[in-house]
C-alpha cells in the first residue's frame, strides 16, 4: 500500500499556547486545523483569529522522517492513527518561539502526544504573512462551520 493521505479527514482542535522563553505578553486561545491538501501533502494551520496565524505544509516524506525521528513503529497507517490520536488528545501545545513582540511570535511549533511518556509529535510552523492570514482564518472558520453542520446532521440521523 502506498503511503499517502487518501481518506484523511480534517481535524480541528484547541492547543495551549506557551512562550518558549519568558514573556509578559498575554496569550489568546488558539485552534488548529489539519487537512490533506491532496494525496501527498498535509496542511497544518494554527490561529488565534486575531494577529497570529501559523502554517506548515508537510509531504509524505516529511512525515515518514517524523515517524522515524519520534520512534513510532509499525506501518504508515499506524503512524497516521498515532498522529490523529496525539492531536485529538488534551496534550496539544503551541510553543511560540523567536523574539516575543507585541504582534506575536516569529514562528511556532505544534506539539502533541497521546499521554505522558508516549512519543511526542512536533511540527514546526512558520508565521503566515498578514496579507495571507485573513484568508487562512476565513478558510478555517468556514471549514469549522461545515464540520459542525456535518456533525449535527450525523447526530440527527442517530450516527
Protein backbone atom coordinates (compact mmCIF):
# COMPACT_ATOMS: atom_id res chain seq x y z
CA UNK A 1 0.00 0.00 0.00
CA UNK A 2 1.38 3.41 -0.97
CA UNK A 3 1.93 6.00 1.74
CA UNK A 4 -0.48 8.84 1.14
CA UNK A 5 -3.22 10.92 2.73
CA UNK A 6 -6.13 9.43 0.78
CA UNK A 7 -9.20 9.39 3.01
CA UNK A 8 -7.58 11.64 5.66
CA UNK A 9 -10.37 13.51 7.46
CA UNK A 10 -9.75 17.07 8.59
CA UNK A 11 -9.01 17.55 12.29
CA UNK A 12 -9.84 20.60 14.38
CA UNK A 13 -8.66 21.17 17.91
CA UNK A 14 -7.58 23.57 20.57
CA UNK A 15 -3.97 23.93 21.64
CA UNK A 16 -2.47 25.50 24.73
CA UNK A 17 -0.09 28.34 23.80
CA UNK A 18 3.19 28.84 25.67
CA UNK A 19 6.18 31.07 25.07
CA UNK A 20 9.40 29.07 24.71
CA UNK A 21 11.13 31.79 26.76
CA UNK A 22 9.84 34.07 29.50
CA UNK A 23 7.45 36.74 28.24
CA UNK A 24 4.90 39.05 29.79
CA UNK A 25 2.90 39.29 26.55
CA UNK A 26 -0.55 37.78 27.19
CA UNK A 27 -1.65 34.85 25.03
CA UNK A 28 -5.01 34.25 23.39
CA UNK A 29 -6.63 30.88 22.78
CA UNK A 30 -5.58 29.04 19.61
CA UNK A 31 -7.25 26.49 17.37
CA UNK A 32 -5.64 24.25 14.79
CA UNK A 33 -6.83 22.67 11.56
CA UNK A 34 -5.05 19.76 9.92
CA UNK A 35 -6.16 18.62 6.48
CA UNK A 36 -4.90 16.84 3.39
CA UNK A 37 -4.27 19.22 0.51
CA UNK A 38 -4.01 16.22 -1.80
CA UNK A 39 -2.76 12.64 -1.54
CA UNK A 40 0.83 13.70 -0.88
CA UNK A 41 0.61 16.87 1.26
CA UNK A 42 -0.80 17.70 4.68
CA UNK A 43 -1.53 21.27 5.80
CA UNK A 44 -1.33 22.29 9.46
CA UNK A 45 -2.73 25.73 10.34
CA UNK A 46 -2.96 27.32 13.79
CA UNK A 47 -4.61 30.65 14.59
CA UNK A 48 -5.83 32.85 17.41
CA UNK A 49 -8.26 34.52 14.93
CA UNK A 50 -6.57 37.87 15.63
CA UNK A 51 -2.99 38.56 14.69
CA UNK A 52 -1.21 35.21 14.96
CA UNK A 53 -1.59 32.55 12.28
CA UNK A 54 0.98 29.84 11.60
CA UNK A 55 1.20 27.14 8.95
CA UNK A 56 3.20 24.17 7.74
CA UNK A 57 2.84 22.04 4.64
CA UNK A 58 4.22 18.54 5.14
CA UNK A 59 4.72 15.92 2.47
CA UNK A 60 4.55 12.18 2.94
CA UNK A 61 8.37 12.18 3.04
CA UNK A 62 8.40 14.80 5.83
CA UNK A 63 6.04 12.68 7.89
CA UNK A 64 7.96 9.48 7.20
CA UNK A 65 11.03 11.28 8.57
CA UNK A 66 8.97 12.45 11.58
CA UNK A 67 7.81 8.85 12.14
CA UNK A 68 11.45 7.74 12.28
CA UNK A 69 12.50 10.72 14.47
CA UNK A 70 9.86 10.14 17.15
CA UNK A 71 10.27 6.39 17.06
CA UNK A 72 6.71 5.36 16.28
CA UNK A 73 7.00 1.84 14.93
CA UNK A 74 4.59 -0.03 12.73
CA UNK A 75 3.02 0.80 9.41
CA UNK A 76 2.23 4.14 7.78
CA UNK A 77 -1.40 3.68 8.82
CA UNK A 78 -0.31 3.05 12.43
CA UNK A 79 1.67 6.31 12.35
CA UNK A 80 -1.24 8.32 10.92
CA UNK A 81 -3.50 6.84 13.60
CA UNK A 82 -0.95 7.87 16.24
CA UNK A 83 -0.75 11.37 14.74
CA UNK A 84 -4.55 11.70 14.82
CA UNK A 85 -4.72 10.34 18.39
CA UNK A 86 -1.99 12.75 19.50
CA UNK A 87 -3.59 15.89 18.10
CA UNK A 88 -7.01 14.73 19.33
CA UNK A 89 -5.71 14.39 22.90
CA UNK A 90 -5.68 17.03 25.61
CA UNK A 91 -1.86 17.20 25.37
CA UNK A 92 -1.58 19.60 22.42
CA UNK A 93 0.60 22.68 22.84
CA UNK A 94 1.69 25.57 20.66
CA UNK A 95 5.23 26.62 21.55
CA UNK A 96 5.67 30.22 20.41
CA UNK A 97 9.29 30.85 19.52
CA UNK A 98 11.53 33.67 18.49
CA UNK A 99 11.56 37.17 19.95
CA UNK A 100 8.31 37.92 21.80
CA UNK A 101 6.86 41.01 20.19
CA UNK A 102 3.55 42.76 20.75
CA UNK A 103 2.34 41.38 17.41
CA UNK A 104 3.25 37.81 18.38
CA UNK A 105 5.95 35.27 17.74
CA UNK A 106 8.03 34.86 14.60
CA UNK A 107 7.43 31.13 14.41
CA UNK A 108 5.95 28.30 16.45
CA UNK A 109 5.85 24.54 16.94
CA UNK A 110 2.73 22.41 17.41
CA UNK A 111 3.47 19.54 19.80
CA UNK A 112 1.21 16.68 20.79
CA UNK A 113 1.35 13.32 22.50
CA UNK A 114 -1.31 10.77 23.38
CA UNK A 115 -0.20 10.57 27.04
CA UNK A 116 2.89 11.48 29.01
CA UNK A 117 5.68 9.05 28.35
CA UNK A 118 4.50 8.33 24.80
CA UNK A 119 6.34 9.72 21.74
CA UNK A 120 5.81 13.44 21.13
CA UNK A 121 4.82 14.69 17.69
CA UNK A 122 6.39 18.08 16.89
CA UNK A 123 5.61 20.12 13.77
CA UNK A 124 7.48 23.38 13.14
CA UNK A 125 5.26 26.19 11.85
CA UNK A 126 6.01 29.44 10.07
CA UNK A 127 4.09 32.64 10.63
CA UNK A 128 1.64 33.36 7.82
CA UNK A 129 2.18 36.86 6.38
CA UNK A 130 -0.58 39.28 7.33
CA UNK A 131 -1.69 39.55 3.71
CA UNK A 132 -2.47 35.79 3.64
CA UNK A 133 -3.51 35.35 7.28
CA UNK A 134 -7.05 36.69 6.77
CA UNK A 135 -7.64 34.15 4.00
CA UNK A 136 -6.31 31.34 6.22
CA UNK A 137 -8.51 32.44 9.13
CA UNK A 138 -11.57 32.67 6.87
CA UNK A 139 -10.88 29.20 5.46
CA UNK A 140 -10.51 27.70 8.95
CA UNK A 141 -13.74 29.36 10.11
CA UNK A 142 -15.72 28.12 7.08
CA UNK A 143 -14.31 24.59 7.37
CA UNK A 144 -15.03 24.54 11.11
CA UNK A 145 -18.64 25.56 10.49
CA UNK A 146 -19.01 22.96 7.71
CA UNK A 147 -17.66 20.29 10.05
CA UNK A 148 -20.09 21.42 12.76
CA UNK A 149 -23.05 21.19 10.35
CA UNK A 150 -21.96 17.69 9.26
CA UNK A 151 -21.70 16.54 12.88
CA UNK A 152 -25.16 17.97 13.65
CA UNK A 153 -26.63 16.05 10.69
CA UNK A 154 -24.87 12.87 11.83
CA UNK A 155 -26.31 13.25 15.34
CA UNK A 156 -29.79 13.94 13.96
CA UNK A 157 -29.57 10.72 11.91
CA UNK A 158 -28.51 8.83 15.03
CA UNK A 159 -24.94 8.21 13.86
